[in-house]
Amino acid sequence: MSLVVFVVLLIAAFVIVAWRDRKRLSSPEDSAAARDATSTQERYAAERHGAQGEVWRRGQNPGSHI
């Protein structure tokens, strides 16, 4: 029984320390940088998708070089 209590306390301590460190390591600047990077990546993907759509509308399928 004491082994079970020891394991539960050990797991609880590990979870608390991990949660505390994760909260401490992420700053508002990190969150803002992550949002900026995601928006830039989504914008590039949208531009690429639009350019590929234009190629298809003009009938210039890049996969058919026959």
Protein backbone atom coordinates (compact mmCIF):
# COMPACT_ATOMS: atom_id res chain seq x y z
CA MET A 1 0.00 0.00 0.00
CA SER A 2 2.81 2.43 0.82
CA LEU A 3 4.40 1.72 -2.56
CA VAL A 4 1.20 2.81 -4.31
CA VAL A 5 1.10 6.04 -2.28
CA PHE A 6 4.76 6.70 -3.08
CA VAL A 7 4.18 6.18 -6.83
CA VAL A 8 1.12 8.45 -6.82
CA LEU A 9 3.04 11.19 -5.00
CA LEU A 10 5.96 10.81 -7.38
CA ILE A 11 3.70 11.14 -10.43
CA ALA A 12 1.91 14.13 -8.89
CA ALA A 13 5.22 15.87 -8.21
CA PHE A 14 6.38 15.25 -11.76
CA VAL A 15 3.15 16.65 -13.21
CA ILE A 16 3.26 19.76 -11.01
CA VAL A 17 6.89 20.52 -11.86
CA ALA A 18 6.30 19.97 -15.60
CA TRP A 19 3.22 22.22 -15.55
CA ARG A 20 5.08 24.94 -13.63
CA ASP A 21 8.07 24.86 -15.99
CA ARG A 22 5.90 24.96 -19.09
CA LYS A 23 4.01 27.96 -17.73
CA ARG A 24 7.28 29.70 -16.83
CA LEU A 25 8.97 29.05 -20.17
CA SER A 26 6.20 30.45 -22.36
CA SER A 27 6.18 34.22 -22.42
CA PRO A 28 3.74 36.58 -24.14
CA GLU A 29 6.43 37.31 -26.72
CA ASP A 30 6.67 33.61 -27.55
CA SER A 31 2.92 33.41 -28.04
CA ALA A 32 2.93 36.49 -30.28
CA ALA A 33 5.82 35.10 -32.33
CA ALA A 34 4.02 31.78 -32.74
CA ARG A 35 0.85 33.56 -33.91
CA ASP A 36 2.85 35.68 -36.37
CA ALA A 37 4.62 32.61 -37.76
CA THR A 38 1.32 30.75 -38.14
CA SER A 39 -0.35 33.66 -39.92
CA THR A 40 2.64 34.06 -42.27
CA GLN A 41 2.60 30.34 -43.05
CA GLU A 42 -1.16 30.41 -43.72
CA ARG A 43 -0.78 33.47 -45.97
CA TYR A 44 1.93 31.76 -48.04
CA ALA A 45 -0.20 28.63 -48.30
CA ALA A 46 -3.18 30.70 -49.47
CA GLU A 47 -1.05 32.51 -52.06
CA ARG A 48 0.36 29.20 -53.31
CA HIS A 49 -3.13 27.72 -53.49
CA GLY A 50 -4.35 30.74 -55.43
CA ALA A 51 -1.46 30.54 -57.89
CA GLN A 52 -2.13 26.85 -58.48
CA GLY A 53 -5.80 27.65 -59.04
CA GLU A 54 -4.87 30.22 -61.68
CA VAL A 55 -2.75 27.64 -63.50
CA TRP A 56 -5.66 25.20 -63.54
CA ARG A 57 -8.11 27.89 -64.77
CA ARG A 58 -5.82 28.72 -67.68
CA GLY A 59 -5.60 25.06 -68.64
CA GLN A 60 -1.90 24.81 -67.89
CA ASN A 61 -1.88 21.73 -65.72
CA PRO A 62 1.70 21.47 -64.46
CA GLY A 63 1.39 17.69 -64.23
CA SER A 64 0.60 17.16 -67.91
CA HIS A 65 3.63 17.92 -70.07
CA ILE A 66 2.40 15.95 -73.08
